[in-house]
Amino acid sequence: MNPSTSTDPEHIAISKSRGISIDWKDGLRSEYDNTYLRDHCPCASCTGAHGTDPRPKASENPLKLFAPKPRMDSVEPVGNYAIRIVWNDGHGTGIYSFAHLRSISRETPQS
């Protein structure tokens, strides 16, 4: 198997209010809800790569009943290797490479 195949999407379905589903070329499917995607933003600000504290995960917020649910305002391709998501909280610097999405995936076989 070609090593890049596991990070090549066959089909991407986007629901701005719910999340993203990806069918990978190697036959697996990954589903990401918006909270999971927002919590796994790979940008330097969210990961703490600039020496700052990483962004707290919304899924770990004890007051999440009072927090607005993450929603995608827009999604756009970045070359042939990633997507950029702009969130309803104004954040939009995260570029989600297909390799990153596959690395955080909880995949299941396609039916």
C-alpha atoms as a PDB file:
ATOM      1  CA  MET A   1       0.000   0.000   0.000  1.00  0.00           C
ATOM      2  CA  ASN A   2       1.214   3.487  -0.852  1.00  0.00           C
ATOM      3  CA  PRO A   3       2.000   5.282   2.453  1.00  0.00           C
ATOM      4  CA  SER A   4       0.131   8.420   1.398  1.00  0.00           C
ATOM      5  CA  THR A   5      -3.049   6.447   0.711  1.00  0.00           C
ATOM      6  CA  SER A   6      -4.018   6.369   4.389  1.00  0.00           C
ATOM      7  CA  THR A   7      -4.103  10.189   4.458  1.00  0.00           C
ATOM      8  CA  ASP A   8      -5.837  10.623   1.104  1.00  0.00           C
ATOM      9  CA  PRO A   9      -9.574  11.253   1.362  1.00  0.00           C
ATOM     10  CA  GLU A  10     -11.922   9.605  -1.107  1.00  0.00           C
ATOM     11  CA  HIS A  11     -14.944  11.671  -0.029  1.00  0.00           C
ATOM     12  CA  ILE A  12     -15.517  14.451   2.515  1.00  0.00           C
ATOM     13  CA  ALA A  13     -18.992  15.324   3.820  1.00  0.00           C
ATOM     14  CA  ILE A  14     -19.332  18.576   5.753  1.00  0.00           C
ATOM     15  CA  SER A  15     -22.173  19.666   7.999  1.00  0.00           C
ATOM     16  CA  LYS A  16     -21.381  23.098   9.429  1.00  0.00           C
ATOM     17  CA  SER A  17     -23.639  22.461  12.407  1.00  0.00           C
ATOM     18  CA  ARG A  18     -22.563  18.864  13.141  1.00  0.00           C
ATOM     19  CA  GLY A  19     -19.087  18.064  11.805  1.00  0.00           C
ATOM     20  CA  ILE A  20     -17.120  16.269   9.123  1.00  0.00           C
ATOM     21  CA  SER A  21     -17.134  12.704   7.839  1.00  0.00           C
ATOM     22  CA  ILE A  22     -14.251  11.436   5.710  1.00  0.00           C
ATOM     23  CA  ASP A  23     -14.113   8.222   3.691  1.00  0.00           C
ATOM     24  CA  TRP A  24     -10.423   7.439   3.239  1.00  0.00           C
ATOM     25  CA  LYS A  25      -9.000   5.723   0.153  1.00  0.00           C
ATOM     26  CA  ASP A  26      -7.863   2.762   2.267  1.00  0.00           C
ATOM     27  CA  GLY A  27     -11.485   1.895   3.124  1.00  0.00           C
ATOM     28  CA  LEU A  28     -11.848   3.460   6.568  1.00  0.00           C
ATOM     29  CA  ARG A  29     -14.272   6.190   7.616  1.00  0.00           C
ATOM     30  CA  SER A  30     -13.652   8.915  10.187  1.00  0.00           C
ATOM     31  CA  GLU A  31     -16.321  11.071  11.784  1.00  0.00           C
ATOM     32  CA  TYR A  32     -15.511  14.228  13.709  1.00  0.00           C
ATOM     33  CA  ASP A  33     -18.115  16.269  15.556  1.00  0.00           C
ATOM     34  CA  ASN A  34     -17.566  20.021  15.816  1.00  0.00           C
ATOM     35  CA  THR A  35     -16.504  19.990  19.468  1.00  0.00           C
ATOM     36  CA  TYR A  36     -13.889  17.315  18.755  1.00  0.00           C
ATOM     37  CA  LEU A  37     -12.569  19.237  15.735  1.00  0.00           C
ATOM     38  CA  ARG A  38     -12.426  22.541  17.629  1.00  0.00           C
ATOM     39  CA  ASP A  39     -10.669  20.836  20.550  1.00  0.00           C
ATOM     40  CA  HIS A  40      -8.080  19.383  18.141  1.00  0.00           C
ATOM     41  CA  CYS A  41      -7.285  22.570  16.236  1.00  0.00           C
ATOM     42  CA  PRO A  42      -3.636  22.224  15.156  1.00  0.00           C
ATOM     43  CA  CYS A  43      -2.759  25.933  15.124  1.00  0.00           C
ATOM     44  CA  ALA A  44       0.035  27.348  17.280  1.00  0.00           C
ATOM     45  CA  SER A  45      -2.369  29.347  19.470  1.00  0.00           C
ATOM     46  CA  CYS A  46      -4.548  26.357  20.315  1.00  0.00           C
ATOM     47  CA  THR A  47      -1.665  23.927  20.872  1.00  0.00           C
ATOM     48  CA  GLY A  48       0.508  26.335  22.860  1.00  0.00           C
ATOM     49  CA  ALA A  49       3.350  26.107  20.349  1.00  0.00           C
ATOM     50  CA  HIS A  50       4.398  29.725  20.981  1.00  0.00           C
ATOM     51  CA  GLY A  51       5.081  29.063  24.644  1.00  0.00           C
ATOM     52  CA  THR A  52       1.576  30.026  25.708  1.00  0.00           C
ATOM     53  CA  ASP A  53      -0.866  27.742  27.472  1.00  0.00           C
ATOM     54  CA  PRO A  54      -2.843  25.529  25.086  1.00  0.00           C
ATOM     55  CA  ARG A  55      -6.492  26.467  24.561  1.00  0.00           C
ATOM     56  CA  PRO A  56      -8.699  24.659  27.124  1.00  0.00           C
ATOM     57  CA  LYS A  57     -10.746  21.896  25.535  1.00  0.00           C
ATOM     58  CA  ALA A  58     -14.464  22.679  25.302  1.00  0.00           C
ATOM     59  CA  SER A  59     -15.228  19.014  25.938  1.00  0.00           C
ATOM     60  CA  GLU A  60     -13.620  19.330  29.387  1.00  0.00           C
ATOM     61  CA  ASN A  61     -15.512  22.496  30.381  1.00  0.00           C
ATOM     62  CA  PRO A  62     -17.748  21.728  33.395  1.00  0.00           C
ATOM     63  CA  LEU A  63     -20.034  24.616  32.358  1.00  0.00           C
ATOM     64  CA  LYS A  64     -20.493  23.413  28.758  1.00  0.00           C
ATOM     65  CA  LEU A  65     -24.280  23.663  29.083  1.00  0.00           C
ATOM     66  CA  PHE A  66     -23.832  27.437  29.070  1.00  0.00           C
ATOM     67  CA  ALA A  67     -21.187  27.611  26.329  1.00  0.00           C
ATOM     68  CA  PRO A  68     -22.202  28.031  22.687  1.00  0.00           C
ATOM     69  CA  LYS A  69     -21.723  24.900  20.622  1.00  0.00           C
ATOM     70  CA  PRO A  70     -18.926  25.100  18.053  1.00  0.00           C
ATOM     71  CA  ARG A  71     -20.212  25.688  14.532  1.00  0.00           C
ATOM     72  CA  MET A  72     -18.293  26.065  11.312  1.00  0.00           C
ATOM     73  CA  ASP A  73     -18.877  29.418   9.658  1.00  0.00           C
ATOM     74  CA  SER A  74     -16.880  28.347   6.606  1.00  0.00           C
ATOM     75  CA  VAL A  75     -14.677  25.550   5.321  1.00  0.00           C
ATOM     76  CA  GLU A  76     -12.254  25.910   2.423  1.00  0.00           C
ATOM     77  CA  PRO A  77      -9.643  23.670   0.815  1.00  0.00           C
ATOM     78  CA  VAL A  78      -5.950  24.414   1.314  1.00  0.00           C
ATOM     79  CA  GLY A  79      -4.172  22.990  -1.700  1.00  0.00           C
ATOM     80  CA  ASN A  80      -4.698  19.260  -2.035  1.00  0.00           C
ATOM     81  CA  TYR A  81      -3.605  18.459   1.501  1.00  0.00           C
ATOM     82  CA  ALA A  82      -5.841  20.235   4.033  1.00  0.00           C
ATOM     83  CA  ILE A  83      -8.943  22.229   4.920  1.00  0.00           C
ATOM     84  CA  ARG A  84      -9.215  25.493   6.806  1.00  0.00           C
ATOM     85  CA  ILE A  85     -12.152  25.945   9.168  1.00  0.00           C
ATOM     86  CA  VAL A  86     -13.440  29.291  10.418  1.00  0.00           C
ATOM     87  CA  TRP A  87     -15.388  28.790  13.646  1.00  0.00           C
ATOM     88  CA  ASN A  88     -18.313  30.728  15.100  1.00  0.00           C
ATOM     89  CA  ASP A  89     -16.013  31.932  17.903  1.00  0.00           C
ATOM     90  CA  GLY A  90     -14.025  33.886  15.289  1.00  0.00           C
ATOM     91  CA  HIS A  91     -11.076  31.478  15.214  1.00  0.00           C
ATOM     92  CA  GLY A  92      -9.851  30.595  11.749  1.00  0.00           C
ATOM     93  CA  THR A  93      -6.084  30.047  11.740  1.00  0.00           C
ATOM     94  CA  GLY A  94      -6.157  26.272  12.064  1.00  0.00           C
ATOM     95  CA  ILE A  95      -5.242  24.361   8.927  1.00  0.00           C
ATOM     96  CA  TYR A  96      -6.406  20.776   9.331  1.00  0.00           C
ATOM     97  CA  SER A  97      -4.137  18.701   7.108  1.00  0.00           C
ATOM     98  CA  PHE A  98      -5.486  15.337   6.029  1.00  0.00           C
ATOM     99  CA  ALA A  99      -2.528  13.763   7.875  1.00  0.00           C
ATOM    100  CA  HIS A 100      -3.594  15.582  11.084  1.00  0.00           C
ATOM    101  CA  LEU A 101      -7.225  14.555  10.639  1.00  0.00           C
ATOM    102  CA  ARG A 102      -6.177  10.941  10.133  1.00  0.00           C
ATOM    103  CA  SER A 103      -3.912  11.077  13.207  1.00  0.00           C
ATOM    104  CA  ILE A 104      -6.799  12.211  15.460  1.00  0.00           C
ATOM    105  CA  SER A 105      -9.266   9.853  13.830  1.00  0.00           C
ATOM    106  CA  ARG A 106     -11.447   7.284  15.492  1.00  0.00           C
ATOM    107  CA  GLU A 107     -12.045   5.419  12.282  1.00  0.00           C
ATOM    108  CA  THR A 108     -14.423   2.627  11.437  1.00  0.00           C
ATOM    109  CA  PRO A 109     -14.629   0.362   8.388  1.00  0.00           C
ATOM    110  CA  GLN A 110     -16.904   1.752   5.660  1.00  0.00           C
ATOM    111  CA  SER A 111     -20.124  -0.188   5.219  1.00  0.00           C
END
